[in-house]
Amino acid sequence: MDKLSLAKSLEDIASLLESGESLNKPTIAVTNFLSELGLDNVNNAVENLKNEANIIIVGEKYTDEFEYYEAKDDATNAEVIEGLFKEGKIDAAVTMHYPFPIGVSTVGKIIAPANGKEVFVANTTGTNDTNREKAMLMNAIDGIIAAKANGVANPTIGILNVDSARVIEKKLKELQDNGFDINFAESKRGDGGVALRGNDVLAASSDIVVCDSLTGNVIQKVFSSFTSGGFYETTGSGYGPSIGEGFYTPVFIVSRASGTPVIESAIRYAIDSVKGNINQVSKDVYADAKKAGLEDILQSLEAKKAESSDTEDVKVPDKEIVNASIGGIDILEIEDAITSVHKAGIYAESAMGCTGPVVMVSEEKLEDVKKILQENNYIE
């Protein structure tokens, strides 16, 4: 930290001690009228944080203390927020609905019940790409951006054990091998690995949980409202900031069922992200990823999808006893992996193990099959 930054920080601390107000306050737009739980549900959160941020109300007027812009539905709410960004009046927004373009999605934040640790869920709404695997790869990058902007200097990444998890693990390791800074987490289960099970999410085995947006949305909702019966979100920081390459208007999403504690935490999430310079962090992380070959890796996922659509009849070798297994293959690739073994004239079967699909082969041919799978990039 340089002398000027240090001086500003000390001045800000002095102001907080003297008046309870920060000099370095971000300006946050907060939508108050779309909640299923009423205006007070949002307004109470705004009241609690008025000394930590300059808050602009979008929706219905609260008090004369707050600048206010009228909005009556989802469309006018989005128009007002977009206009405030364009005019440079706000640093971020917290709202219950926003139409993100493809290429932009949000990183939520939950509280792990095992230890109270905050965990970033990448991602929870929106989509980075119509190709599932490309979207999940970008989700990992967005998760790193959100974590770093919120003070986690070297966040750990785990990949939820869902479809495409093994593919994403391989592609992220390619990025890492090319110089991109990724710190992989280790599952707390006995067999370890980057793939996270439900136990790992509960225990916060990683700072970031990478998954597809639909799964992430479910995780966010369950963790936020499991203590209330589902219709009032009590914990966590909402569905998080919108992040995407070249997208520098961070909109933090909360649910219409988010209670005052969650909305308050979401506003704090926005404050911390702005103070952590999330837009600059996004520029820097994407630049580093591109230097490490991100675009080529994304293109390889597109090419793999095209290749998998070309069907080919392959004769299945004569059946034999299979008593050895090979794991680490994505469920969406398991049948193609089996076909690659059959092409080599070796019999193999697919089965499902505790942590995902496995290729079953005879013990005598185990090493030969491993080489085949490695040559075809199904395993490391």
Protein backbone atom coordinates (compact mmCIF):
# COMPACT_ATOMS: atom_id res chain seq x y z
CA MET A 1 0.00 0.00 0.00
CA ASP A 2 1.40 3.44 -1.00
CA LYS A 3 1.47 6.44 1.35
CA LEU A 4 -1.56 8.11 -0.23
CA SER A 5 -3.69 4.97 0.06
CA LEU A 6 -2.53 4.49 3.65
CA ALA A 7 -3.40 8.09 4.50
CA LYS A 8 -6.88 7.71 2.99
CA SER A 9 -7.43 4.47 4.91
CA LEU A 10 -6.40 6.08 8.21
CA GLU A 11 -8.63 9.08 7.50
CA ASP A 12 -11.53 6.75 6.79
CA ILE A 13 -10.94 4.85 10.04
CA ALA A 14 -10.87 8.13 11.97
CA SER A 15 -14.18 9.15 10.41
CA LEU A 16 -15.74 5.82 11.33
CA LEU A 17 -14.60 6.14 14.94
CA GLU A 18 -15.79 9.74 15.24
CA SER A 19 -19.11 9.73 13.37
CA GLY A 20 -19.86 6.12 12.52
CA GLU A 21 -19.72 7.01 8.81
CA SER A 22 -17.11 6.06 6.23
CA LEU A 23 -15.67 8.70 3.90
CA ASN A 24 -15.01 6.10 1.23
CA LYS A 25 -18.60 5.03 0.66
CA PRO A 26 -19.66 3.31 -2.57
CA THR A 27 -22.99 4.29 -4.10
CA ILE A 28 -25.37 1.34 -4.37
CA ALA A 29 -28.81 1.26 -5.99
CA VAL A 30 -31.23 -1.02 -4.12
CA THR A 31 -34.59 -2.19 -5.49
CA ASN A 32 -37.18 -2.22 -2.71
CA PHE A 33 -40.53 -3.03 -4.35
CA LEU A 34 -40.21 -6.51 -5.89
CA SER A 35 -39.86 -8.52 -2.67
CA GLU A 36 -42.59 -11.05 -1.88
CA LEU A 37 -41.97 -10.16 1.78
CA GLY A 38 -42.95 -6.49 1.54
CA LEU A 39 -41.22 -3.11 1.38
CA ASP A 40 -40.04 -3.13 5.01
CA ASN A 41 -38.12 -6.32 4.35
CA VAL A 42 -35.79 -4.35 2.05
CA ASN A 43 -36.06 -0.94 3.68
CA ASN A 44 -34.91 -2.33 7.03
CA ALA A 45 -31.73 -3.65 5.40
CA VAL A 46 -31.16 -0.25 3.76
CA GLU A 47 -31.63 1.51 7.09
CA ASN A 48 -29.08 -0.75 8.77
CA LEU A 49 -26.40 0.06 6.17
CA LYS A 50 -26.99 3.73 5.44
CA ASN A 51 -23.72 4.68 7.17
CA GLU A 52 -21.68 2.23 5.09
CA ALA A 53 -22.88 3.19 1.60
CA ASN A 54 -24.68 5.93 -0.28
CA ILE A 55 -27.88 4.08 -1.07
CA ILE A 56 -30.26 5.06 -3.86
CA ILE A 57 -33.73 3.52 -3.73
CA VAL A 58 -35.29 2.14 -6.91
CA GLY A 59 -39.01 1.37 -6.69
CA GLU A 60 -41.13 3.06 -4.03
CA LYS A 61 -40.10 6.06 -1.96
CA TYR A 62 -38.81 5.21 1.52
CA THR A 63 -37.85 8.45 3.30
CA ASP A 64 -36.51 11.85 2.23
CA GLU A 65 -33.12 10.72 3.52
CA PHE A 66 -32.58 8.56 0.43
CA GLU A 67 -32.40 9.57 -3.22
CA TYR A 68 -35.20 7.77 -5.02
CA TYR A 69 -36.15 6.70 -8.56
CA GLU A 70 -39.60 5.32 -9.29
CA ALA A 71 -40.03 1.89 -10.88
CA LYS A 72 -43.23 -0.13 -11.16
CA ASP A 73 -42.24 -3.45 -12.75
CA ASP A 74 -39.27 -5.58 -13.81
CA ALA A 75 -38.81 -3.67 -17.07
CA THR A 76 -38.75 -0.16 -15.56
CA ASN A 77 -36.57 -1.42 -12.70
CA ALA A 78 -33.95 -2.63 -15.21
CA GLU A 79 -34.23 0.61 -17.21
CA VAL A 80 -33.65 2.76 -14.13
CA ILE A 81 -30.63 0.73 -12.98
CA GLU A 82 -29.12 0.73 -16.46
CA GLY A 83 -29.61 4.49 -16.66
CA LEU A 84 -27.94 5.06 -13.27
CA PHE A 85 -24.92 3.06 -14.43
CA LYS A 86 -24.71 4.99 -17.70
CA GLU A 87 -24.87 8.32 -15.85
CA GLY A 88 -22.11 7.19 -13.49
CA LYS A 89 -24.33 7.67 -10.45
CA ILE A 90 -23.85 4.19 -8.96
CA ASP A 91 -21.02 1.73 -8.44
CA ALA A 92 -23.27 -1.33 -8.11
CA ALA A 93 -26.90 -2.37 -7.75
CA VAL A 94 -28.78 -4.88 -5.60
CA THR A 95 -32.01 -6.05 -7.16
CA MET A 96 -34.40 -8.99 -7.45
CA HIS A 97 -34.44 -9.26 -11.20
CA TYR A 98 -32.21 -8.21 -14.08
CA PRO A 99 -32.00 -9.40 -17.70
CA PHE A 100 -28.35 -10.38 -18.19
CA PRO A 101 -27.03 -11.12 -21.68
CA ILE A 102 -25.47 -14.49 -22.47
CA GLY A 103 -21.86 -14.24 -21.37
CA VAL A 104 -22.72 -12.79 -17.99
CA SER A 105 -23.67 -14.70 -14.84
CA THR A 106 -23.58 -14.23 -11.08
CA VAL A 107 -21.43 -15.63 -8.27
CA GLY A 108 -23.41 -16.28 -5.09
CA LYS A 109 -22.14 -16.60 -1.55
CA ILE A 110 -23.36 -19.08 1.06
CA ILE A 111 -22.47 -19.89 4.66
CA ALA A 112 -21.21 -23.43 5.25
CA PRO A 113 -23.14 -24.89 8.21
CA ALA A 114 -20.19 -27.02 9.34
CA ASN A 115 -17.97 -24.07 10.23
CA GLY A 116 -19.64 -20.78 9.28
CA LYS A 117 -17.18 -20.18 6.44
CA GLU A 118 -18.25 -18.15 3.41
CA VAL A 119 -18.21 -20.06 0.12
CA PHE A 120 -18.55 -18.55 -3.37
CA VAL A 121 -20.95 -20.46 -5.65
CA ALA A 122 -19.96 -20.08 -9.31
CA ASN A 123 -22.49 -19.56 -10.71
CA THR A 124 -26.10 -19.03 -9.59
CA THR A 125 -28.02 -17.07 -12.26
CA GLY A 126 -27.48 -16.18 -15.90
CA THR A 127 -25.28 -18.21 -18.23
CA ASN A 128 -21.80 -17.64 -19.62
CA ASP A 129 -22.42 -19.72 -22.74
CA THR A 130 -25.04 -21.96 -24.32
CA ASN A 131 -22.41 -24.73 -24.32
CA ARG A 132 -22.53 -26.24 -20.81
CA GLU A 133 -18.82 -27.03 -20.58
CA LYS A 134 -17.68 -23.64 -21.85
CA ALA A 135 -20.07 -21.98 -19.40
CA MET A 136 -18.72 -23.96 -16.44
CA LEU A 137 -15.13 -23.16 -17.38
CA MET A 138 -15.99 -19.45 -17.43
CA ASN A 139 -17.87 -19.87 -14.14
CA ALA A 140 -14.59 -20.92 -12.51
CA ILE A 141 -12.92 -17.74 -13.73
CA ASP A 142 -15.84 -15.63 -12.48
CA GLY A 143 -15.60 -17.33 -9.09
CA ILE A 144 -11.91 -16.40 -8.85
CA ILE A 145 -12.78 -12.78 -9.69
CA ALA A 146 -15.49 -12.55 -7.02
CA ALA A 147 -13.30 -14.15 -4.36
CA LYS A 148 -10.27 -11.97 -5.09
CA ALA A 149 -12.36 -8.80 -5.12
CA ASN A 150 -13.60 -9.77 -1.65
CA GLY A 151 -10.19 -10.19 -0.08
CA VAL A 152 -9.41 -13.86 -0.77
CA ALA A 153 -5.97 -13.46 -2.31
CA ASN A 154 -5.44 -17.08 -3.36
CA PRO A 155 -8.85 -18.77 -3.42
CA THR A 156 -9.16 -22.54 -3.63
CA ILE A 157 -11.36 -24.05 -6.34
CA GLY A 158 -13.39 -27.23 -6.20
CA ILE A 159 -15.70 -28.56 -8.92
CA LEU A 160 -19.06 -29.95 -7.87
CA ASN A 161 -19.38 -33.59 -8.95
CA VAL A 162 -21.97 -32.97 -11.67
CA ASP A 163 -22.05 -33.64 -15.41
CA SER A 164 -18.91 -32.26 -17.12
CA ALA A 165 -16.96 -31.92 -13.84
CA ARG A 166 -14.05 -34.08 -15.07
CA VAL A 167 -13.88 -32.22 -18.36
CA ILE A 168 -13.72 -28.87 -16.58
CA GLU A 169 -11.04 -30.17 -14.22
CA LYS A 170 -8.86 -31.15 -17.18
CA LYS A 171 -9.36 -27.84 -18.95
CA LEU A 172 -8.62 -25.80 -15.81
CA LYS A 173 -5.44 -27.81 -15.33
CA GLU A 174 -4.48 -26.94 -18.91
CA LEU A 175 -4.88 -23.28 -18.00
CA GLN A 176 -2.79 -23.87 -14.88
CA ASP A 177 -0.06 -25.62 -16.88
CA ASN A 178 -0.02 -22.60 -19.21
CA GLY A 179 0.67 -20.25 -16.29
CA PHE A 180 -2.79 -19.24 -15.06
CA ASP A 181 -2.91 -18.95 -11.27
CA ILE A 182 -5.34 -21.59 -9.95
CA ASN A 183 -5.23 -23.17 -6.50
CA PHE A 184 -7.17 -26.44 -6.55
CA ALA A 185 -8.93 -27.63 -3.40
CA GLU A 186 -8.98 -31.21 -2.16
CA SER A 187 -12.15 -33.07 -1.23
CA LYS A 188 -12.30 -33.99 2.44
CA ARG A 189 -13.56 -37.45 1.51
CA GLY A 190 -11.13 -40.34 1.79
CA ASP A 191 -10.32 -40.55 -1.92
CA GLY A 192 -9.66 -36.78 -2.22
CA GLY A 193 -9.58 -35.14 -5.61
CA VAL A 194 -10.84 -31.83 -7.00
CA ALA A 195 -14.41 -33.11 -7.48
CA LEU A 196 -16.58 -32.03 -4.55
CA ARG A 197 -19.39 -34.09 -3.06
CA GLY A 198 -22.29 -32.69 -1.05
CA ASN A 199 -20.31 -33.21 2.16
CA ASP A 200 -17.62 -30.89 0.85
CA VAL A 201 -20.08 -28.08 0.17
CA LEU A 202 -21.46 -28.38 3.71
CA ALA A 203 -17.92 -28.35 5.13
CA ALA A 204 -16.52 -25.59 2.87
CA SER A 205 -13.74 -27.77 1.46
CA SER A 206 -13.04 -24.99 -1.06
CA ASP A 207 -13.45 -21.22 -1.25
CA ILE A 208 -15.21 -21.57 -4.61
CA VAL A 209 -17.67 -24.25 -5.75
CA VAL A 210 -17.81 -24.47 -9.55
CA CYS A 211 -20.99 -25.82 -11.12
CA ASP A 212 -23.56 -25.01 -13.79
CA SER A 213 -25.88 -22.09 -13.06
CA LEU A 214 -29.03 -24.16 -12.55
CA THR A 215 -27.34 -26.36 -9.96
CA GLY A 216 -25.76 -23.30 -8.36
CA ASN A 217 -29.16 -21.65 -8.10
CA VAL A 218 -30.53 -24.67 -6.24
CA ILE A 219 -27.51 -24.73 -3.88
CA GLN A 220 -27.98 -21.03 -3.13
CA LYS A 221 -31.69 -21.43 -2.40
CA VAL A 222 -31.28 -24.54 -0.22
CA PHE A 223 -28.44 -23.08 1.86
CA SER A 224 -30.25 -19.75 2.22
CA SER A 225 -33.62 -21.03 3.36
CA PHE A 226 -33.33 -24.57 4.74
CA THR A 227 -33.86 -23.33 8.32
CA SER A 228 -37.06 -21.45 7.47
CA GLY A 229 -38.97 -24.03 5.49
CA GLY A 230 -38.05 -22.60 2.12
CA PHE A 231 -40.03 -19.38 1.74
CA TYR A 232 -37.79 -16.94 3.64
CA GLU A 233 -34.07 -16.83 2.93
CA THR A 234 -32.21 -16.26 6.20
CA THR A 235 -28.50 -16.78 5.51
CA GLY A 236 -25.90 -16.09 2.85
CA SER A 237 -25.30 -13.02 0.69
CA GLY A 238 -27.63 -13.68 -2.21
CA TYR A 239 -26.92 -14.76 -5.74
CA GLY A 240 -24.06 -12.34 -6.21
CA PRO A 241 -22.55 -9.94 -8.72
CA SER A 242 -22.89 -10.13 -12.48
CA ILE A 243 -19.49 -10.94 -13.98
CA GLY A 244 -18.44 -11.44 -17.57
CA GLU A 245 -15.65 -10.39 -19.89
CA GLY A 246 -16.13 -6.70 -20.69
CA PHE A 247 -19.15 -6.37 -18.36
CA TYR A 248 -18.42 -3.71 -15.77
CA THR A 249 -21.81 -2.87 -14.25
CA PRO A 250 -21.99 -5.20 -11.24
CA VAL A 251 -25.60 -6.09 -10.42
CA PHE A 252 -26.04 -8.18 -7.27
CA ILE A 253 -29.06 -10.47 -7.33
CA VAL A 254 -31.27 -11.37 -4.39
CA SER A 255 -34.41 -13.48 -4.45
CA ARG A 256 -37.94 -12.20 -3.99
CA ALA A 257 -37.90 -14.52 -0.99
CA SER A 258 -34.67 -13.10 0.46
CA GLY A 259 -35.21 -11.89 4.02
CA THR A 260 -33.74 -8.75 5.57
CA PRO A 261 -30.55 -10.56 6.75
CA VAL A 262 -29.78 -11.79 3.23
CA ILE A 263 -30.51 -8.43 1.59
CA GLU A 264 -28.29 -6.72 4.15
CA SER A 265 -25.51 -9.24 3.43
CA ALA A 266 -26.01 -8.74 -0.33
CA ILE A 267 -25.57 -4.98 0.05
CA ARG A 268 -22.41 -5.62 2.08
CA TYR A 269 -21.24 -8.02 -0.64
CA ALA A 270 -21.71 -5.17 -3.13
CA ILE A 271 -19.89 -2.66 -0.89
CA ASP A 272 -16.94 -5.02 -0.37
CA SER A 273 -16.76 -5.88 -4.08
CA VAL A 274 -16.70 -2.22 -5.11
CA LYS A 275 -14.03 -1.44 -2.50
CA GLY A 276 -12.12 -4.46 -3.78
CA ASN A 277 -12.27 -2.97 -7.30
CA ILE A 278 -14.14 -5.90 -8.83
CA ASN A 279 -14.11 -4.39 -12.32
CA GLN A 280 -10.32 -4.08 -12.37
CA VAL A 281 -9.93 -7.55 -10.88
CA SER A 282 -12.16 -8.87 -13.67
CA LYS A 283 -10.02 -7.18 -16.33
CA ASP A 284 -6.82 -8.54 -14.80
CA VAL A 285 -8.03 -12.12 -14.31
CA TYR A 286 -9.49 -12.37 -17.82
CA ALA A 287 -6.27 -10.94 -19.27
CA ASP A 288 -4.23 -13.56 -17.38
CA ALA A 289 -6.57 -16.34 -18.53
CA LYS A 290 -6.25 -15.26 -22.15
CA LYS A 291 -2.46 -15.22 -21.87
CA ALA A 292 -2.75 -18.84 -20.69
CA GLY A 293 -4.72 -19.87 -23.78
CA LEU A 294 -8.32 -19.50 -22.57
CA GLU A 295 -9.71 -18.87 -26.05
CA ASP A 296 -8.04 -21.97 -27.52
CA ILE A 297 -9.28 -24.10 -24.63
CA LEU A 298 -12.83 -22.81 -25.08
CA GLN A 299 -12.56 -23.56 -28.79
CA SER A 300 -11.42 -27.10 -28.02
CA LEU A 301 -14.63 -27.66 -26.07
CA GLU A 302 -16.64 -26.49 -29.07
CA ALA A 303 -14.65 -28.82 -31.33
CA LYS A 304 -15.11 -31.74 -28.94
CA LYS A 305 -18.86 -31.21 -29.04
CA ALA A 306 -18.82 -31.30 -32.85
CA GLU A 307 -16.71 -34.47 -32.88
CA SER A 308 -19.01 -36.24 -30.43
CA SER A 309 -21.94 -35.65 -32.78
CA ASP A 310 -20.28 -37.80 -35.47
CA THR A 311 -21.50 -41.32 -34.81
CA GLU A 312 -19.55 -44.36 -35.88
CA ASP A 313 -20.46 -48.03 -35.74
CA VAL A 314 -17.82 -49.91 -33.75
CA LYS A 315 -17.89 -53.66 -33.29
CA VAL A 316 -17.96 -54.68 -29.61
CA PRO A 317 -15.24 -57.29 -28.86
CA ASP A 318 -16.19 -60.62 -27.35
CA LYS A 319 -17.32 -60.29 -23.76
CA GLU A 320 -14.89 -61.22 -21.00
CA ILE A 321 -14.67 -60.98 -17.23
CA VAL A 322 -14.05 -57.40 -16.12
CA ASN A 323 -12.53 -57.09 -12.63
CA ALA A 324 -10.61 -53.78 -12.73
CA SER A 325 -11.93 -50.23 -12.88
CA ILE A 326 -10.67 -46.87 -14.12
CA GLY A 327 -12.28 -43.69 -12.77
CA GLY A 328 -11.96 -39.98 -13.39
CA ILE A 329 -14.05 -39.90 -16.57
CA ASP A 330 -16.92 -37.46 -16.99
CA ILE A 331 -20.36 -39.01 -17.22
CA LEU A 332 -21.01 -37.24 -20.52
CA GLU A 333 -17.88 -38.88 -21.99
CA ILE A 334 -18.16 -42.38 -20.58
CA GLU A 335 -19.76 -44.01 -23.64
CA ASP A 336 -17.26 -42.36 -25.99
CA ALA A 337 -14.47 -43.61 -23.72
CA ILE A 338 -15.83 -47.16 -23.90
CA THR A 339 -16.03 -46.87 -27.70
CA SER A 340 -12.36 -45.82 -27.88
CA VAL A 341 -11.42 -49.00 -26.01
CA HIS A 342 -13.62 -51.17 -28.26
CA LYS A 343 -11.93 -49.62 -31.31
CA ALA A 344 -8.65 -51.03 -29.99
CA GLY A 345 -10.20 -54.51 -29.88
CA ILE A 346 -10.47 -54.65 -26.07
CA TYR A 347 -13.71 -55.43 -24.29
CA ALA A 348 -14.87 -52.88 -21.69
CA GLU A 349 -18.04 -51.95 -19.83
CA SER A 350 -19.25 -48.81 -18.10
CA ALA A 351 -20.40 -48.78 -14.48
CA MET A 352 -21.16 -46.20 -11.83
CA GLY A 353 -18.90 -45.85 -8.80
CA CYS A 354 -19.37 -43.70 -5.69
CA THR A 355 -17.75 -40.65 -7.24
CA GLY A 356 -18.88 -41.10 -10.84
CA PRO A 357 -18.64 -43.43 -13.84
CA VAL A 358 -15.88 -46.00 -14.28
CA VAL A 359 -14.58 -48.11 -17.14
CA MET A 360 -14.52 -51.81 -16.24
CA VAL A 361 -11.91 -54.01 -17.92
CA SER A 362 -10.02 -57.20 -17.25
CA GLU A 363 -7.09 -56.92 -14.84
CA GLU A 364 -4.71 -58.19 -17.51
CA LYS A 365 -5.55 -55.34 -19.90
CA LEU A 366 -5.81 -52.56 -17.31
CA GLU A 367 -2.57 -50.76 -18.23
CA ASP A 368 -3.27 -51.00 -21.97
CA VAL A 369 -6.72 -49.47 -21.48
CA LYS A 370 -5.30 -46.67 -19.32
CA LYS A 371 -2.94 -45.74 -22.17
CA ILE A 372 -5.82 -45.73 -24.65
CA LEU A 373 -7.89 -43.46 -22.42
CA GLN A 374 -4.94 -41.15 -21.83
CA GLU A 375 -4.17 -40.90 -25.55
CA ASN A 376 -7.80 -39.91 -26.17
CA ASN A 377 -7.79 -37.37 -23.29
CA TYR A 378 -10.42 -39.14 -21.19
CA ILE A 379 -8.09 -39.43 -18.19
CA GLU A 380 -4.85 -37.77 -17.14
